[in-house]
């Protein structure tokens, strides 16, 4: 049995439970009629917090702390935070074309996927 992998899965699961609970609480405490304000707040907060942590203490955190925070907590809180951090990192590393490609592929691809999913449900 790979105990290292199992411990990482546990860190992700516990972090994910925390992130999902925080997202749920914010979703129920913010009025979102007419516009999805709670999703906007979660995405903005998640992106700001994940970038602040990654660029300030990310290089000194243990692998378990990184898995817990960035994959678990922020992954469940908002996948927008992971997407944003990866894009900012690409820009920071001088990979502007890859960064813009990431923005276009994720934004366009996810919207296209949602439209296709809606179409399939409506017509089949």
N, C-alpha and C. Protein backbone atom coordinates (compact mmCIF):
# COMPACT_ATOMS: atom_id res chain seq x y z
N UNK A 1 0.84 -1.18 0.00
CA UNK A 1 0.00 0.00 0.00
C UNK A 1 0.89 1.25 0.00
N UNK A 2 0.57 2.22 -0.83
CA UNK A 2 1.33 3.45 -0.95
C UNK A 2 0.80 4.47 0.07
N UNK A 3 1.42 4.50 1.25
CA UNK A 3 0.96 5.36 2.34
C UNK A 3 1.16 6.84 2.00
N UNK A 4 2.18 7.16 1.22
CA UNK A 4 2.41 8.55 0.83
C UNK A 4 1.25 9.06 -0.02
N UNK A 5 0.81 8.24 -0.98
CA UNK A 5 -0.33 8.62 -1.81
C UNK A 5 -1.60 8.72 -0.98
N UNK A 6 -1.80 7.78 -0.08
CA UNK A 6 -3.00 7.82 0.77
C UNK A 6 -3.01 9.05 1.67
N UNK A 7 -1.86 9.44 2.20
CA UNK A 7 -1.82 10.64 3.04
C UNK A 7 -2.10 11.89 2.22
N UNK A 8 -1.61 11.93 0.98
CA UNK A 8 -1.90 13.08 0.12
C UNK A 8 -3.39 13.14 -0.20
N UNK A 9 -4.01 11.99 -0.45
CA UNK A 9 -5.45 11.96 -0.71
C UNK A 9 -6.21 12.47 0.51
N UNK A 10 -5.77 12.12 1.69
CA UNK A 10 -6.41 12.60 2.92
C UNK A 10 -6.28 14.12 3.04
N UNK A 11 -5.09 14.66 2.75
CA UNK A 11 -4.91 16.11 2.78
C UNK A 11 -5.84 16.81 1.79
N UNK A 12 -5.96 16.26 0.59
CA UNK A 12 -6.86 16.84 -0.42
C UNK A 12 -8.31 16.76 0.06
N UNK A 13 -8.70 15.63 0.61
CA UNK A 13 -10.08 15.43 1.05
C UNK A 13 -10.45 16.38 2.19
N UNK A 14 -9.58 16.52 3.17
CA UNK A 14 -9.86 17.42 4.30
C UNK A 14 -9.89 18.87 3.81
N UNK A 15 -8.90 19.24 3.00
CA UNK A 15 -8.89 20.60 2.44
C UNK A 15 -10.11 20.85 1.59
N UNK A 16 -10.50 19.85 0.79
CA UNK A 16 -11.68 19.99 -0.06
C UNK A 16 -12.94 20.17 0.76
N UNK A 17 -13.05 19.47 1.86
CA UNK A 17 -14.23 19.63 2.73
C UNK A 17 -14.29 21.04 3.29
N UNK A 18 -13.15 21.58 3.66
CA UNK A 18 -13.11 22.95 4.18
C UNK A 18 -13.48 23.95 3.08
N UNK A 19 -12.87 23.82 1.91
CA UNK A 19 -13.14 24.74 0.81
C UNK A 19 -14.59 24.68 0.35
N UNK A 20 -15.14 23.48 0.23
CA UNK A 20 -16.54 23.33 -0.20
C UNK A 20 -17.49 23.92 0.83
N UNK A 21 -17.18 23.73 2.10
CA UNK A 21 -18.03 24.29 3.17
C UNK A 21 -17.99 25.81 3.15
N UNK A 22 -16.81 26.39 2.97
CA UNK A 22 -16.70 27.84 2.88
C UNK A 22 -17.49 28.38 1.69
N UNK A 23 -17.38 27.70 0.55
CA UNK A 23 -18.12 28.12 -0.63
C UNK A 23 -19.63 28.06 -0.38
N UNK A 24 -20.08 26.99 0.25
CA UNK A 24 -21.49 26.83 0.58
C UNK A 24 -21.97 27.95 1.50
N UNK A 25 -21.19 28.27 2.53
CA UNK A 25 -21.57 29.31 3.47
C UNK A 25 -21.65 30.68 2.81
N UNK A 26 -20.69 30.98 1.96
CA UNK A 26 -20.73 32.26 1.24
C UNK A 26 -21.92 32.30 0.29
N UNK A 27 -22.17 31.19 -0.39
CA UNK A 27 -23.31 31.12 -1.30
C UNK A 27 -24.64 31.35 -0.61
N UNK A 28 -24.73 30.97 0.64
CA UNK A 28 -25.99 31.16 1.37
C UNK A 28 -26.05 32.46 2.15
N UNK A 29 -24.96 33.20 2.20
CA UNK A 29 -24.97 34.46 2.94
C UNK A 29 -24.98 35.68 2.03
N UNK A 30 -24.81 35.48 0.74
CA UNK A 30 -24.77 36.60 -0.22
C UNK A 30 -26.00 36.53 -1.12
N UNK A 31 -26.72 37.63 -1.20
CA UNK A 31 -27.89 37.71 -2.08
C UNK A 31 -27.43 37.71 -3.53
N UNK A 32 -27.94 36.76 -4.30
CA UNK A 32 -27.49 36.62 -5.69
C UNK A 32 -28.63 36.63 -6.68
N UNK A 33 -29.74 37.24 -6.33
CA UNK A 33 -30.84 37.28 -7.30
C UNK A 33 -30.50 38.29 -8.39
N UNK A 34 -30.66 37.88 -9.63
CA UNK A 34 -30.37 38.75 -10.76
C UNK A 34 -28.95 38.64 -11.28
N UNK A 35 -28.01 38.35 -10.42
CA UNK A 35 -26.61 38.18 -10.83
C UNK A 35 -25.95 37.24 -9.82
N UNK A 36 -25.10 36.33 -10.28
CA UNK A 36 -24.46 35.38 -9.36
C UNK A 36 -23.34 36.01 -8.53
N UNK A 37 -23.70 36.91 -7.62
CA UNK A 37 -22.72 37.62 -6.82
C UNK A 37 -21.89 36.69 -5.95
N UNK A 38 -22.51 35.66 -5.39
CA UNK A 38 -21.74 34.77 -4.50
C UNK A 38 -20.63 34.07 -5.27
N UNK A 39 -20.90 33.65 -6.49
CA UNK A 39 -19.87 33.00 -7.31
C UNK A 39 -18.76 34.00 -7.64
N UNK A 40 -19.15 35.21 -7.96
CA UNK A 40 -18.17 36.26 -8.25
C UNK A 40 -17.27 36.51 -7.04
N UNK A 41 -17.87 36.63 -5.87
CA UNK A 41 -17.11 36.88 -4.64
C UNK A 41 -16.16 35.73 -4.35
N UNK A 42 -16.67 34.51 -4.47
CA UNK A 42 -15.84 33.33 -4.22
C UNK A 42 -14.68 33.30 -5.20
N UNK A 43 -14.94 33.53 -6.48
CA UNK A 43 -13.87 33.49 -7.48
C UNK A 43 -12.84 34.58 -7.24
N UNK A 44 -13.28 35.79 -6.96
CA UNK A 44 -12.35 36.90 -6.72
C UNK A 44 -11.52 36.64 -5.46
N UNK A 45 -12.18 36.25 -4.38
CA UNK A 45 -11.46 35.99 -3.13
C UNK A 45 -10.49 34.82 -3.30
N UNK A 46 -10.95 33.77 -3.94
CA UNK A 46 -10.10 32.60 -4.14
C UNK A 46 -8.88 32.92 -4.97
N UNK A 47 -9.07 33.67 -6.04
CA UNK A 47 -7.94 34.04 -6.90
C UNK A 47 -6.94 34.92 -6.16
N UNK A 48 -7.43 35.89 -5.41
CA UNK A 48 -6.55 36.78 -4.66
C UNK A 48 -5.78 36.01 -3.58
N UNK A 49 -6.49 35.17 -2.84
CA UNK A 49 -5.85 34.43 -1.75
C UNK A 49 -4.85 33.39 -2.25
N UNK A 50 -5.21 32.65 -3.30
CA UNK A 50 -4.29 31.62 -3.79
C UNK A 50 -3.02 32.25 -4.36
N UNK A 51 -3.16 33.38 -5.05
CA UNK A 51 -1.98 34.06 -5.59
C UNK A 51 -1.12 34.63 -4.47
N UNK A 52 -1.76 35.24 -3.48
CA UNK A 52 -1.01 35.81 -2.36
C UNK A 52 -0.22 34.72 -1.64
N UNK A 53 -0.85 33.61 -1.38
CA UNK A 53 -0.15 32.51 -0.70
C UNK A 53 0.94 31.89 -1.57
N UNK A 54 0.61 31.63 -2.82
CA UNK A 54 1.57 30.98 -3.71
C UNK A 54 2.82 31.82 -3.91
N UNK A 55 2.64 33.13 -4.07
CA UNK A 55 3.78 33.98 -4.37
C UNK A 55 4.48 34.51 -3.13
N UNK A 56 3.88 34.33 -1.94
CA UNK A 56 4.56 34.79 -0.72
C UNK A 56 5.19 33.64 0.05
N UNK A 57 4.47 32.54 0.22
CA UNK A 57 5.00 31.44 1.03
C UNK A 57 5.00 30.10 0.30
N UNK A 58 4.58 30.09 -0.95
CA UNK A 58 4.47 28.84 -1.69
C UNK A 58 5.75 28.05 -1.79
N UNK A 59 6.88 28.74 -1.85
CA UNK A 59 8.15 28.03 -2.00
C UNK A 59 8.69 27.48 -0.68
N UNK A 60 8.09 27.84 0.45
CA UNK A 60 8.55 27.30 1.73
C UNK A 60 7.57 26.31 2.35
N UNK A 61 6.41 26.15 1.71
CA UNK A 61 5.42 25.20 2.23
C UNK A 61 5.83 23.76 1.90
N UNK A 62 5.48 22.87 2.79
CA UNK A 62 5.73 21.45 2.53
C UNK A 62 4.81 20.97 1.41
N UNK A 63 5.15 19.84 0.84
CA UNK A 63 4.31 19.26 -0.22
C UNK A 63 2.91 18.99 0.32
N UNK A 64 2.81 18.51 1.54
CA UNK A 64 1.49 18.23 2.12
C UNK A 64 0.68 19.51 2.31
N UNK A 65 1.33 20.59 2.73
CA UNK A 65 0.63 21.86 2.89
C UNK A 65 0.16 22.39 1.53
N UNK A 66 0.98 22.24 0.51
CA UNK A 66 0.60 22.68 -0.84
C UNK A 66 -0.60 21.88 -1.34
N UNK A 67 -0.56 20.58 -1.16
CA UNK A 67 -1.66 19.72 -1.59
C UNK A 67 -2.93 20.08 -0.82
N UNK A 68 -2.81 20.26 0.49
CA UNK A 68 -3.95 20.62 1.33
C UNK A 68 -4.56 21.95 0.91
N UNK A 69 -3.72 22.99 0.79
CA UNK A 69 -4.22 24.33 0.50
C UNK A 69 -4.65 24.52 -0.95
N UNK A 70 -3.72 24.26 -1.88
CA UNK A 70 -3.96 24.63 -3.27
C UNK A 70 -4.86 23.67 -4.01
N UNK A 71 -4.74 22.38 -3.75
CA UNK A 71 -5.62 21.41 -4.41
C UNK A 71 -6.89 21.20 -3.60
N UNK A 72 -6.73 21.02 -2.28
CA UNK A 72 -7.88 20.75 -1.43
C UNK A 72 -8.76 21.96 -1.19
N UNK A 73 -8.27 22.90 -0.37
CA UNK A 73 -9.09 24.05 0.02
C UNK A 73 -9.49 24.90 -1.18
N UNK A 74 -8.50 25.40 -1.92
CA UNK A 74 -8.82 26.29 -3.03
C UNK A 74 -9.45 25.55 -4.20
N UNK A 75 -9.08 24.29 -4.39
CA UNK A 75 -9.69 23.49 -5.46
C UNK A 75 -11.18 23.31 -5.25
N UNK A 76 -11.60 23.13 -4.01
CA UNK A 76 -13.02 22.98 -3.73
C UNK A 76 -13.71 24.34 -3.59
N UNK A 77 -12.98 25.32 -3.12
CA UNK A 77 -13.55 26.67 -2.96
C UNK A 77 -13.85 27.27 -4.32
N UNK A 78 -12.90 27.15 -5.24
CA UNK A 78 -13.10 27.64 -6.60
C UNK A 78 -12.02 27.09 -7.53
N UNK A 79 -12.41 26.48 -8.62
CA UNK A 79 -11.40 26.06 -9.59
C UNK A 79 -10.87 27.26 -10.36
N UNK A 80 -11.58 28.36 -10.28
CA UNK A 80 -11.09 29.59 -10.92
C UNK A 80 -9.76 30.00 -10.32
N UNK A 81 -9.55 29.72 -9.04
CA UNK A 81 -8.29 30.11 -8.41
C UNK A 81 -7.12 29.33 -9.00
N UNK A 82 -7.30 28.05 -9.26
CA UNK A 82 -6.23 27.26 -9.86
C UNK A 82 -5.94 27.73 -11.27
N UNK A 83 -6.96 27.92 -12.05
CA UNK A 83 -6.82 28.42 -13.42
C UNK A 83 -6.08 29.77 -13.42
N UNK A 84 -6.48 30.66 -12.53
CA UNK A 84 -5.87 31.99 -12.47
C UNK A 84 -4.41 31.91 -12.06
N UNK A 85 -4.11 31.11 -11.04
CA UNK A 85 -2.72 30.98 -10.59
C UNK A 85 -1.85 30.41 -11.70
N UNK A 86 -2.34 29.41 -12.41
CA UNK A 86 -1.56 28.83 -13.50
C UNK A 86 -1.33 29.86 -14.61
N UNK A 87 -2.34 30.67 -14.90
CA UNK A 87 -2.20 31.69 -15.94
C UNK A 87 -1.23 32.79 -15.52
N UNK A 88 -1.35 33.26 -14.27
CA UNK A 88 -0.43 34.29 -13.77
C UNK A 88 1.00 33.75 -13.75
N UNK A 89 1.17 32.50 -13.37
CA UNK A 89 2.50 31.90 -13.35
C UNK A 89 3.09 31.85 -14.75
N UNK A 90 2.28 31.49 -15.74
CA UNK A 90 2.76 31.49 -17.12
C UNK A 90 3.20 32.89 -17.55
N UNK A 91 2.39 33.91 -17.23
CA UNK A 91 2.78 35.29 -17.55
C UNK A 91 4.08 35.65 -16.82
N UNK A 92 4.15 35.32 -15.55
CA UNK A 92 5.33 35.63 -14.73
C UNK A 92 6.59 34.95 -15.27
N UNK A 93 6.43 33.76 -15.81
CA UNK A 93 7.55 33.00 -16.37
C UNK A 93 7.88 33.40 -17.81
N UNK A 94 7.23 34.45 -18.32
CA UNK A 94 7.52 34.92 -19.67
C UNK A 94 6.85 34.11 -20.77
N UNK A 95 5.85 33.35 -20.42
CA UNK A 95 5.13 32.49 -21.38
C UNK A 95 3.77 33.11 -21.72
N UNK A 96 3.79 34.33 -22.25
CA UNK A 96 2.55 35.06 -22.52
C UNK A 96 1.65 34.33 -23.51
N UNK A 97 2.22 33.72 -24.54
CA UNK A 97 1.39 33.01 -25.52
C UNK A 97 0.66 31.83 -24.87
N UNK A 98 1.38 31.10 -24.02
CA UNK A 98 0.74 29.98 -23.32
C UNK A 98 -0.32 30.49 -22.35
N UNK A 99 -0.03 31.61 -21.69
CA UNK A 99 -0.99 32.18 -20.75
C UNK A 99 -2.28 32.58 -21.47
N UNK A 100 -2.16 33.30 -22.59
CA UNK A 100 -3.34 33.69 -23.35
C UNK A 100 -4.05 32.47 -23.93
N UNK A 101 -3.28 31.49 -24.35
CA UNK A 101 -3.88 30.24 -24.83
C UNK A 101 -4.69 29.57 -23.73
N UNK A 102 -4.16 29.59 -22.52
CA UNK A 102 -4.88 29.02 -21.38
C UNK A 102 -6.20 29.76 -21.14
N UNK A 103 -6.15 31.08 -21.22
CA UNK A 103 -7.36 31.89 -21.02
C UNK A 103 -8.40 31.58 -22.10
N UNK A 104 -7.95 31.56 -23.34
CA UNK A 104 -8.87 31.34 -24.47
C UNK A 104 -9.42 29.91 -24.45
N UNK A 105 -8.55 28.93 -24.26
CA UNK A 105 -9.01 27.54 -24.26
C UNK A 105 -9.93 27.23 -23.09
N UNK A 106 -9.57 27.70 -21.90
CA UNK A 106 -10.43 27.43 -20.74
C UNK A 106 -11.74 28.20 -20.82
N UNK A 107 -11.66 29.49 -21.11
CA UNK A 107 -12.88 30.28 -21.19
C UNK A 107 -13.79 29.81 -22.31
N UNK A 108 -13.24 29.73 -23.50
CA UNK A 108 -14.03 29.30 -24.65
C UNK A 108 -14.45 27.85 -24.56
N UNK A 109 -13.53 26.99 -24.16
CA UNK A 109 -13.82 25.56 -24.08
C UNK A 109 -14.89 25.24 -23.05
N UNK A 110 -14.80 25.89 -21.90
CA UNK A 110 -15.81 25.64 -20.85
C UNK A 110 -17.18 26.15 -21.27
N UNK A 111 -17.21 27.34 -21.88
CA UNK A 111 -18.49 27.85 -22.37
C UNK A 111 -19.06 26.95 -23.46
N UNK A 112 -18.22 26.53 -24.38
CA UNK A 112 -18.67 25.63 -25.44
C UNK A 112 -19.19 24.32 -24.85
N UNK A 113 -18.47 23.77 -23.88
CA UNK A 113 -18.90 22.54 -23.23
C UNK A 113 -20.26 22.70 -22.55
N UNK A 114 -20.47 23.84 -21.91
CA UNK A 114 -21.75 24.09 -21.25
C UNK A 114 -22.88 24.22 -22.26
N UNK A 115 -22.62 24.92 -23.37
CA UNK A 115 -23.64 25.03 -24.41
C UNK A 115 -23.96 23.66 -25.01
N UNK A 116 -22.94 22.86 -25.27
CA UNK A 116 -23.15 21.52 -25.81
C UNK A 116 -23.95 20.67 -24.82
N UNK A 117 -23.58 20.73 -23.54
CA UNK A 117 -24.32 19.98 -22.52
C UNK A 117 -25.78 20.40 -22.45
N UNK A 118 -26.02 21.70 -22.50
CA UNK A 118 -27.41 22.18 -22.48
C UNK A 118 -28.15 21.71 -23.72
N UNK A 119 -27.51 21.78 -24.87
CA UNK A 119 -28.12 21.35 -26.12
C UNK A 119 -28.49 19.87 -26.04
N UNK A 120 -27.57 19.05 -25.55
CA UNK A 120 -27.84 17.61 -25.46
C UNK A 120 -29.02 17.32 -24.54
N UNK A 121 -29.12 18.04 -23.44
CA UNK A 121 -30.22 17.82 -22.51
C UNK A 121 -31.55 18.27 -23.11
N UNK A 122 -31.53 19.37 -23.83
CA UNK A 122 -32.76 19.92 -24.40
C UNK A 122 -33.29 19.10 -25.56
N UNK A 123 -32.40 18.47 -26.33
CA UNK A 123 -32.83 17.82 -27.56
C UNK A 123 -32.76 16.31 -27.54
N UNK A 124 -32.27 15.72 -26.45
CA UNK A 124 -32.21 14.26 -26.42
C UNK A 124 -32.84 13.71 -25.18
